[in-house]
Amino acid sequence: MTDDEPTRSARLLDAQAKAERLFAEIEERGLVAPGEGERAVSDRVRDLADELFGTTRHWHKRIIRSGPNTLKPYRENPPDRVIGTDDIVFADFGPIFEEYEADFGRTFVLGDDPVKHRLRDDLPKVFAAGRRCFEADPDITGERLYAEVRRLATDAGWELGGWHAGHLVGEFPHERIDGADVESYITPANETPLRRTDRAGRRCHWILEIHLIDREREFGGFYEQLLTLG
């Protein structure tokens, strides 16, 4: 039986709260550290999710990327890289909690590089401004929100790194989001309103992804969480 909408919303928020705790533990335990390989860190985060919540399933591939690998969009699979002493690293994980998906991304800066710190600090600002745009326009489409996020990135002095700026999220497995289904993404090709119901008649919930890059300096950062709740 499908949960009613208040229950769905509460469970999506609970899944995100668990993901936030997981990422706080990543930082507190110093899992992202110089000399560690990206895959090794990813495996430690997987094990930490199991330790904290008994979570062993993730609905998308686990991502830890550092240095020039942070320029790469989700679908690429750059070679494993050892994290450096003055590096920037982002984590993107999609754990499943009690059959509901979380999708959470944050950026970590090692060292004192002021440009990397500025990028990390700009990520939540661009996210918040994108969310305000969404909240202000009841009929906003994926196309319009993507254009606004791209403008915000440019105004902050960065380039938007991906072909989309978010996607559907929900019960596992959620509404199909393969690349051919542009209505499942916040992307220039999606001219449908984001506030709608899916094929099963459930309210669509969205993740907003902010991937900012500095192509000249060869690094980027990433920030994502729920757009439609919280």
C-alpha atoms as a PDB file:
ATOM      1  CA  MET A   1       0.000   0.000   0.000  1.00  0.00           C
ATOM      2  CA  THR A   2       1.294   3.449  -0.931  1.00  0.00           C
ATOM      3  CA  ASP A   3       1.853   5.832   1.989  1.00  0.00           C
ATOM      4  CA  ASP A   4      -0.327   8.945   2.126  1.00  0.00           C
ATOM      5  CA  GLU A   5       1.340  12.232   1.270  1.00  0.00           C
ATOM      6  CA  PRO A   6       2.032  13.435   4.847  1.00  0.00           C
ATOM      7  CA  THR A   7       3.693  10.069   5.583  1.00  0.00           C
ATOM      8  CA  ARG A   8       5.714  10.173   2.354  1.00  0.00           C
ATOM      9  CA  SER A   9       6.928  13.679   3.150  1.00  0.00           C
ATOM     10  CA  ALA A  10       7.841  12.752   6.710  1.00  0.00           C
ATOM     11  CA  ARG A  11       9.745   9.673   5.608  1.00  0.00           C
ATOM     12  CA  LEU A  12      11.670  11.556   2.924  1.00  0.00           C
ATOM     13  CA  LEU A  13      12.641  14.171   5.512  1.00  0.00           C
ATOM     14  CA  ASP A  14      13.655  11.425   7.937  1.00  0.00           C
ATOM     15  CA  ALA A  15      15.820   9.806   5.252  1.00  0.00           C
ATOM     16  CA  GLN A  16      17.495  13.150   4.620  1.00  0.00           C
ATOM     17  CA  ALA A  17      18.065  13.710   8.350  1.00  0.00           C
ATOM     18  CA  LYS A  18      19.856  10.354   8.513  1.00  0.00           C
ATOM     19  CA  ALA A  19      21.976  11.319   5.500  1.00  0.00           C
ATOM     20  CA  GLU A  20      22.878  14.605   7.226  1.00  0.00           C
ATOM     21  CA  ARG A  21      23.981  12.686  10.296  1.00  0.00           C
ATOM     22  CA  LEU A  22      26.023  10.316   8.123  1.00  0.00           C
ATOM     23  CA  PHE A  23      27.855  13.250   6.538  1.00  0.00           C
ATOM     24  CA  ALA A  24      28.450  14.885   9.912  1.00  0.00           C
ATOM     25  CA  GLU A  25      30.072  11.636  11.052  1.00  0.00           C
ATOM     26  CA  ILE A  26      32.205  11.528   7.902  1.00  0.00           C
ATOM     27  CA  GLU A  27      33.655  14.896   8.863  1.00  0.00           C
ATOM     28  CA  GLU A  28      33.924  14.185  12.588  1.00  0.00           C
ATOM     29  CA  ARG A  29      35.766  10.907  12.012  1.00  0.00           C
ATOM     30  CA  GLY A  30      38.092  12.470   9.433  1.00  0.00           C
ATOM     31  CA  LEU A  31      37.286   9.922   6.735  1.00  0.00           C
ATOM     32  CA  VAL A  32      38.134  12.411   3.981  1.00  0.00           C
ATOM     33  CA  ALA A  33      41.878  12.783   4.508  1.00  0.00           C
ATOM     34  CA  PRO A  34      45.096  13.265   2.526  1.00  0.00           C
ATOM     35  CA  GLY A  35      46.702  10.050   1.351  1.00  0.00           C
ATOM     36  CA  GLU A  36      43.406   8.161   1.124  1.00  0.00           C
ATOM     37  CA  GLY A  37      42.123   6.778  -2.160  1.00  0.00           C
ATOM     38  CA  GLU A  38      38.663   7.832  -3.312  1.00  0.00           C
ATOM     39  CA  ARG A  39      37.352   4.274  -3.520  1.00  0.00           C
ATOM     40  CA  ALA A  40      38.679   3.435  -0.084  1.00  0.00           C
ATOM     41  CA  VAL A  41      36.898   6.454   1.397  1.00  0.00           C
ATOM     42  CA  SER A  42      33.705   5.500  -0.423  1.00  0.00           C
ATOM     43  CA  ASP A  43      33.874   2.003   1.063  1.00  0.00           C
ATOM     44  CA  ARG A  44      34.412   3.438   4.554  1.00  0.00           C
ATOM     45  CA  VAL A  45      31.353   5.666   4.161  1.00  0.00           C
ATOM     46  CA  ARG A  46      29.343   2.634   3.024  1.00  0.00           C
ATOM     47  CA  ASP A  47      30.462   0.765   6.136  1.00  0.00           C
ATOM     48  CA  LEU A  48      29.677   3.774   8.328  1.00  0.00           C
ATOM     49  CA  ALA A  49      26.101   3.907   6.990  1.00  0.00           C
ATOM     50  CA  ASP A  50      25.745   0.249   7.917  1.00  0.00           C
ATOM     51  CA  GLU A  51      27.201   0.885  11.388  1.00  0.00           C
ATOM     52  CA  LEU A  52      24.944   3.860  12.120  1.00  0.00           C
ATOM     53  CA  PHE A  53      21.685   2.795  10.496  1.00  0.00           C
ATOM     54  CA  GLY A  54      21.997  -0.789   9.265  1.00  0.00           C
ATOM     55  CA  THR A  55      21.874   0.610   5.727  1.00  0.00           C
ATOM     56  CA  THR A  56      23.557  -1.502   3.075  1.00  0.00           C
ATOM     57  CA  ARG A  57      21.683  -0.382  -0.055  1.00  0.00           C
ATOM     58  CA  HIS A  58      22.260   2.737  -2.126  1.00  0.00           C
ATOM     59  CA  TRP A  59      20.019   3.599  -5.046  1.00  0.00           C
ATOM     60  CA  HIS A  60      22.815   5.135  -7.105  1.00  0.00           C
ATOM     61  CA  LYS A  61      26.564   4.638  -7.262  1.00  0.00           C
ATOM     62  CA  ARG A  62      28.567   6.023  -4.333  1.00  0.00           C
ATOM     63  CA  ILE A  63      30.798   8.942  -5.312  1.00  0.00           C
ATOM     64  CA  ILE A  64      33.897  10.386  -3.707  1.00  0.00           C
ATOM     65  CA  ARG A  65      35.787  12.690  -6.078  1.00  0.00           C
ATOM     66  CA  SER A  66      38.831  14.866  -5.490  1.00  0.00           C
ATOM     67  CA  GLY A  67      40.966  17.366  -7.394  1.00  0.00           C
ATOM     68  CA  PRO A  68      40.376  17.306 -11.179  1.00  0.00           C
ATOM     69  CA  ASN A  69      37.924  14.424 -10.748  1.00  0.00           C
ATOM     70  CA  THR A  70      35.518  16.952  -9.199  1.00  0.00           C
ATOM     71  CA  LEU A  71      35.010  18.426 -12.670  1.00  0.00           C
ATOM     72  CA  LYS A  72      33.374  15.212 -13.867  1.00  0.00           C
ATOM     73  CA  PRO A  73      29.577  14.878 -13.991  1.00  0.00           C
ATOM     74  CA  TYR A  74      27.823  11.954 -12.336  1.00  0.00           C
ATOM     75  CA  ARG A  75      27.757   9.610 -15.315  1.00  0.00           C
ATOM     76  CA  GLU A  76      31.505   9.626 -15.831  1.00  0.00           C
ATOM     77  CA  ASN A  77      33.763   7.229 -13.969  1.00  0.00           C
ATOM     78  CA  PRO A  78      37.194   8.813 -13.602  1.00  0.00           C
ATOM     79  CA  PRO A  79      40.083   6.636 -12.372  1.00  0.00           C
ATOM     80  CA  ASP A  80      40.625   6.273  -8.640  1.00  0.00           C
ATOM     81  CA  ARG A  81      42.708   9.125  -7.230  1.00  0.00           C
ATOM     82  CA  VAL A  82      44.613   9.645  -3.993  1.00  0.00           C
ATOM     83  CA  ILE A  83      43.406  12.713  -2.063  1.00  0.00           C
ATOM     84  CA  GLY A  84      46.095  15.401  -1.716  1.00  0.00           C
ATOM     85  CA  THR A  85      47.105  17.619   1.190  1.00  0.00           C
ATOM     86  CA  ASP A  86      45.637  20.805  -0.321  1.00  0.00           C
ATOM     87  CA  ASP A  87      42.659  19.239  -2.034  1.00  0.00           C
ATOM     88  CA  ILE A  88      38.943  19.672  -2.579  1.00  0.00           C
ATOM     89  CA  VAL A  89      36.700  16.618  -2.300  1.00  0.00           C
ATOM     90  CA  PHE A  90      33.000  16.048  -2.745  1.00  0.00           C
ATOM     91  CA  ALA A  91      30.797  13.166  -1.654  1.00  0.00           C
ATOM     92  CA  ASP A  92      27.518  12.157  -3.302  1.00  0.00           C
ATOM     93  CA  PHE A  93      25.594   9.294  -1.706  1.00  0.00           C
ATOM     94  CA  GLY A  94      22.073   7.920  -2.162  1.00  0.00           C
ATOM     95  CA  PRO A  95      21.367   5.627   0.801  1.00  0.00           C
ATOM     96  CA  ILE A  96      17.995   3.924   1.177  1.00  0.00           C
ATOM     97  CA  PHE A  97      16.389   4.232   4.611  1.00  0.00           C
ATOM     98  CA  GLU A  98      13.286   2.095   5.235  1.00  0.00           C
ATOM     99  CA  GLU A  99      12.547   1.971   1.496  1.00  0.00           C
ATOM    100  CA  TYR A 100      12.855   5.742   1.047  1.00  0.00           C
ATOM    101  CA  GLU A 101      15.684   7.358  -0.874  1.00  0.00           C
ATOM    102  CA  ALA A 102      17.994  10.039   0.359  1.00  0.00           C
ATOM    103  CA  ASP A 103      20.297  11.909  -1.985  1.00  0.00           C
ATOM    104  CA  PHE A 104      22.857  14.096  -0.305  1.00  0.00           C
ATOM    105  CA  GLY A 105      26.046  15.802  -1.410  1.00  0.00           C
ATOM    106  CA  ARG A 106      28.607  17.982   0.315  1.00  0.00           C
ATOM    107  CA  THR A 107      32.093  19.362  -0.351  1.00  0.00           C
ATOM    108  CA  PHE A 108      35.165  19.209   1.883  1.00  0.00           C
ATOM    109  CA  VAL A 109      38.261  21.420   1.571  1.00  0.00           C
ATOM    110  CA  LEU A 110      41.636  20.283   2.874  1.00  0.00           C
ATOM    111  CA  GLY A 111      44.205  23.019   3.301  1.00  0.00           C
ATOM    112  CA  ASP A 112      43.942  26.786   3.048  1.00  0.00           C
ATOM    113  CA  ASP A 113      43.384  27.517  -0.651  1.00  0.00           C
ATOM    114  CA  PRO A 114      41.065  30.577  -0.555  1.00  0.00           C
ATOM    115  CA  VAL A 115      39.460  29.866  -3.936  1.00  0.00           C
ATOM    116  CA  LYS A 116      38.515  26.335  -2.915  1.00  0.00           C
ATOM    117  CA  HIS A 117      37.088  27.659   0.348  1.00  0.00           C
ATOM    118  CA  ARG A 118      35.090  30.279  -1.567  1.00  0.00           C
ATOM    119  CA  LEU A 119      33.693  27.618  -3.870  1.00  0.00           C
ATOM    120  CA  ARG A 120      32.665  25.434  -0.935  1.00  0.00           C
ATOM    121  CA  ASP A 121      30.990  28.409   0.749  1.00  0.00           C
ATOM    122  CA  ASP A 122      29.180  29.482  -2.426  1.00  0.00           C
ATOM    123  CA  LEU A 123      27.535  26.079  -2.930  1.00  0.00           C
ATOM    124  CA  PRO A 124      24.875  26.382  -0.186  1.00  0.00           C
ATOM    125  CA  LYS A 125      24.254  30.017  -1.161  1.00  0.00           C
ATOM    126  CA  VAL A 126      23.459  29.053  -4.755  1.00  0.00           C
ATOM    127  CA  PHE A 127      21.298  26.191  -3.485  1.00  0.00           C
ATOM    128  CA  ALA A 128      19.325  28.520  -1.185  1.00  0.00           C
ATOM    129  CA  ALA A 129      18.817  31.065  -3.966  1.00  0.00           C
ATOM    130  CA  GLY A 130      17.650  28.310  -6.325  1.00  0.00           C
ATOM    131  CA  ARG A 131      15.182  27.096  -3.710  1.00  0.00           C
ATOM    132  CA  ARG A 132      13.846  30.641  -3.243  1.00  0.00           C
ATOM    133  CA  CYS A 133      13.268  30.837  -6.992  1.00  0.00           C
ATOM    134  CA  PHE A 134      11.356  27.537  -6.869  1.00  0.00           C
ATOM    135  CA  GLU A 135       9.244  28.675  -3.934  1.00  0.00           C
ATOM    136  CA  ALA A 136       8.394  32.008  -5.572  1.00  0.00           C
ATOM    137  CA  ASP A 137       7.005  30.503  -8.800  1.00  0.00           C
ATOM    138  CA  PRO A 138       4.143  27.980  -8.396  1.00  0.00           C
ATOM    139  CA  ASP A 139       4.324  27.021 -12.077  1.00  0.00           C
ATOM    140  CA  ILE A 140       8.090  26.800 -12.437  1.00  0.00           C
ATOM    141  CA  THR A 141       9.380  24.257 -14.957  1.00  0.00           C
ATOM    142  CA  GLY A 142      12.600  22.294 -14.978  1.00  0.00           C
ATOM    143  CA  GLU A 143      13.795  24.502 -17.818  1.00  0.00           C
ATOM    144  CA  ARG A 144      13.231  27.739 -15.870  1.00  0.00           C
ATOM    145  CA  LEU A 145      14.806  26.515 -12.651  1.00  0.00           C
ATOM    146  CA  TYR A 146      17.874  25.204 -14.476  1.00  0.00           C
ATOM    147  CA  ALA A 147      18.290  28.572 -16.204  1.00  0.00           C
ATOM    148  CA  GLU A 148      18.110  30.351 -12.848  1.00  0.00           C
ATOM    149  CA  VAL A 149      20.648  28.036 -11.239  1.00  0.00           C
ATOM    150  CA  ARG A 150      22.997  28.547 -14.179  1.00  0.00           C
ATOM    151  CA  ARG A 151      22.609  32.334 -13.844  1.00  0.00           C
ATOM    152  CA  LEU A 152      23.319  32.148 -10.108  1.00  0.00           C
ATOM    153  CA  ALA A 153      26.451  30.080 -10.764  1.00  0.00           C
ATOM    154  CA  THR A 154      27.704  32.542 -13.379  1.00  0.00           C
ATOM    155  CA  ASP A 155      27.014  35.540 -11.148  1.00  0.00           C
ATOM    156  CA  ALA A 156      29.069  33.889  -8.391  1.00  0.00           C
ATOM    157  CA  GLY A 157      31.996  33.438 -10.797  1.00  0.00           C
ATOM    158  CA  TRP A 158      31.604  29.713 -11.510  1.00  0.00           C
ATOM    159  CA  GLU A 159      30.391  27.425 -14.266  1.00  0.00           C
ATOM    160  CA  LEU A 160      27.574  24.931 -13.811  1.00  0.00           C
ATOM    161  CA  GLY A 161      29.082  21.492 -14.188  1.00  0.00           C
ATOM    162  CA  GLY A 162      26.236  19.250 -15.314  1.00  0.00           C
ATOM    163  CA  TRP A 163      23.485  18.980 -17.923  1.00  0.00           C
ATOM    164  CA  HIS A 164      20.884  18.979 -15.156  1.00  0.00           C
ATOM    165  CA  ALA A 165      20.467  20.531 -11.715  1.00  0.00           C
ATOM    166  CA  GLY A 166      18.391  17.870  -9.984  1.00  0.00           C
ATOM    167  CA  HIS A 167      15.923  15.016 -10.324  1.00  0.00           C
ATOM    168  CA  LEU A 168      12.982  13.174  -8.833  1.00  0.00           C
ATOM    169  CA  VAL A 169      13.305  11.322  -5.533  1.00  0.00           C
ATOM    170  CA  GLY A 170      10.902   9.138  -3.571  1.00  0.00           C
ATOM    171  CA  GLU A 171      10.180   5.565  -2.601  1.00  0.00           C
ATOM    172  CA  PHE A 172      12.685   2.997  -3.798  1.00  0.00           C
ATOM    173  CA  PRO A 173      12.718   2.359  -6.673  1.00  0.00           C
ATOM    174  CA  HIS A 174      11.327   5.775  -7.549  1.00  0.00           C
ATOM    175  CA  GLU A 175       9.904   7.035 -10.812  1.00  0.00           C
ATOM    176  CA  ARG A 176      12.261   5.996 -13.600  1.00  0.00           C
ATOM    177  CA  ILE A 177      14.883   8.654 -14.269  1.00  0.00           C
ATOM    178  CA  ASP A 178      16.879   7.381 -17.201  1.00  0.00           C
ATOM    179  CA  GLY A 179      18.486   9.921 -19.483  1.00  0.00           C
ATOM    180  CA  ALA A 180      15.728   9.737 -22.082  1.00  0.00           C
ATOM    181  CA  ASP A 181      13.074  10.865 -19.595  1.00  0.00           C
ATOM    182  CA  VAL A 182      13.814  14.593 -19.382  1.00  0.00           C
ATOM    183  CA  GLU A 183      10.671  15.207 -17.326  1.00  0.00           C
ATOM    184  CA  SER A 184      12.460  13.475 -14.439  1.00  0.00           C
ATOM    185  CA  TYR A 185      15.210  16.115 -14.366  1.00  0.00           C
ATOM    186  CA  ILE A 186      15.706  19.826 -13.744  1.00  0.00           C
ATOM    187  CA  THR A 187      17.136  20.453 -17.181  1.00  0.00           C
ATOM    188  CA  PRO A 188      16.716  22.844 -20.145  1.00  0.00           C
ATOM    189  CA  ALA A 189      14.679  20.247 -22.048  1.00  0.00           C
ATOM    190  CA  ASN A 190      12.077  19.847 -19.274  1.00  0.00           C
ATOM    191  CA  GLU A 191       9.219  22.234 -20.050  1.00  0.00           C
ATOM    192  CA  THR A 192       6.793  20.591 -17.599  1.00  0.00           C
ATOM    193  CA  PRO A 193       5.925  22.078 -14.190  1.00  0.00           C
ATOM    194  CA  LEU A 194       7.931  20.623 -11.315  1.00  0.00           C
ATOM    195  CA  ARG A 195       4.837  20.752  -9.080  1.00  0.00           C
ATOM    196  CA  ARG A 196       2.853  17.846 -10.454  1.00  0.00           C
ATOM    197  CA  THR A 197       1.975  14.224  -9.725  1.00  0.00           C
ATOM    198  CA  ASP A 198       3.748  11.167 -11.093  1.00  0.00           C
ATOM    199  CA  ARG A 199       2.223   8.283 -13.035  1.00  0.00           C
ATOM    200  CA  ALA A 200       0.948   6.737  -9.797  1.00  0.00           C
ATOM    201  CA  GLY A 201      -0.767   9.969  -8.766  1.00  0.00           C
ATOM    202  CA  ARG A 202       1.767  10.810  -6.053  1.00  0.00           C
ATOM    203  CA  ARG A 203       3.203  14.278  -5.538  1.00  0.00           C
ATOM    204  CA  CYS A 204       6.578  14.698  -7.241  1.00  0.00           C
ATOM    205  CA  HIS A 205       9.452  15.464  -4.886  1.00  0.00           C
ATOM    206  CA  TRP A 206      12.726  16.857  -6.177  1.00  0.00           C
ATOM    207  CA  ILE A 207      16.406  16.959  -5.329  1.00  0.00           C
ATOM    208  CA  LEU A 208      18.277  20.146  -6.244  1.00  0.00           C
ATOM    209  CA  GLU A 209      21.899  19.552  -7.287  1.00  0.00           C
ATOM    210  CA  ILE A 210      24.487  22.313  -7.416  1.00  0.00           C
ATOM    211  CA  HIS A 211      27.709  21.328  -9.204  1.00  0.00           C
ATOM    212  CA  LEU A 212      29.978  24.361  -9.546  1.00  0.00           C
ATOM    213  CA  ILE A 213      33.295  24.137 -11.365  1.00  0.00           C
ATOM    214  CA  ASP A 214      36.358  26.242 -12.123  1.00  0.00           C
ATOM    215  CA  ARG A 215      37.597  24.721 -15.356  1.00  0.00           C
ATOM    216  CA  GLU A 216      40.756  26.827 -15.461  1.00  0.00           C
ATOM    217  CA  ARG A 217      41.892  25.761 -11.987  1.00  0.00           C
ATOM    218  CA  GLU A 218      40.603  22.213 -12.602  1.00  0.00           C
ATOM    219  CA  PHE A 219      38.379  21.663  -9.606  1.00  0.00           C
ATOM    220  CA  GLY A 220      34.734  21.807  -8.619  1.00  0.00           C
ATOM    221  CA  GLY A 221      32.344  21.270  -5.754  1.00  0.00           C
ATOM    222  CA  PHE A 222      28.957  19.706  -5.177  1.00  0.00           C
ATOM    223  CA  TYR A 223      25.954  20.267  -2.916  1.00  0.00           C
ATOM    224  CA  GLU A 224      22.568  18.568  -3.017  1.00  0.00           C
ATOM    225  CA  GLN A 225      19.541  17.812  -0.898  1.00  0.00           C
ATOM    226  CA  LEU A 226      15.749  17.972  -1.017  1.00  0.00           C
ATOM    227  CA  LEU A 227      14.293  20.937  -2.882  1.00  0.00           C
ATOM    228  CA  THR A 228      10.594  20.403  -2.208  1.00  0.00           C
ATOM    229  CA  LEU A 229      10.653  19.658   1.535  1.00  0.00           C
ATOM    230  CA  GLY A 230      12.396  21.108   4.562  1.00  0.00           C
END
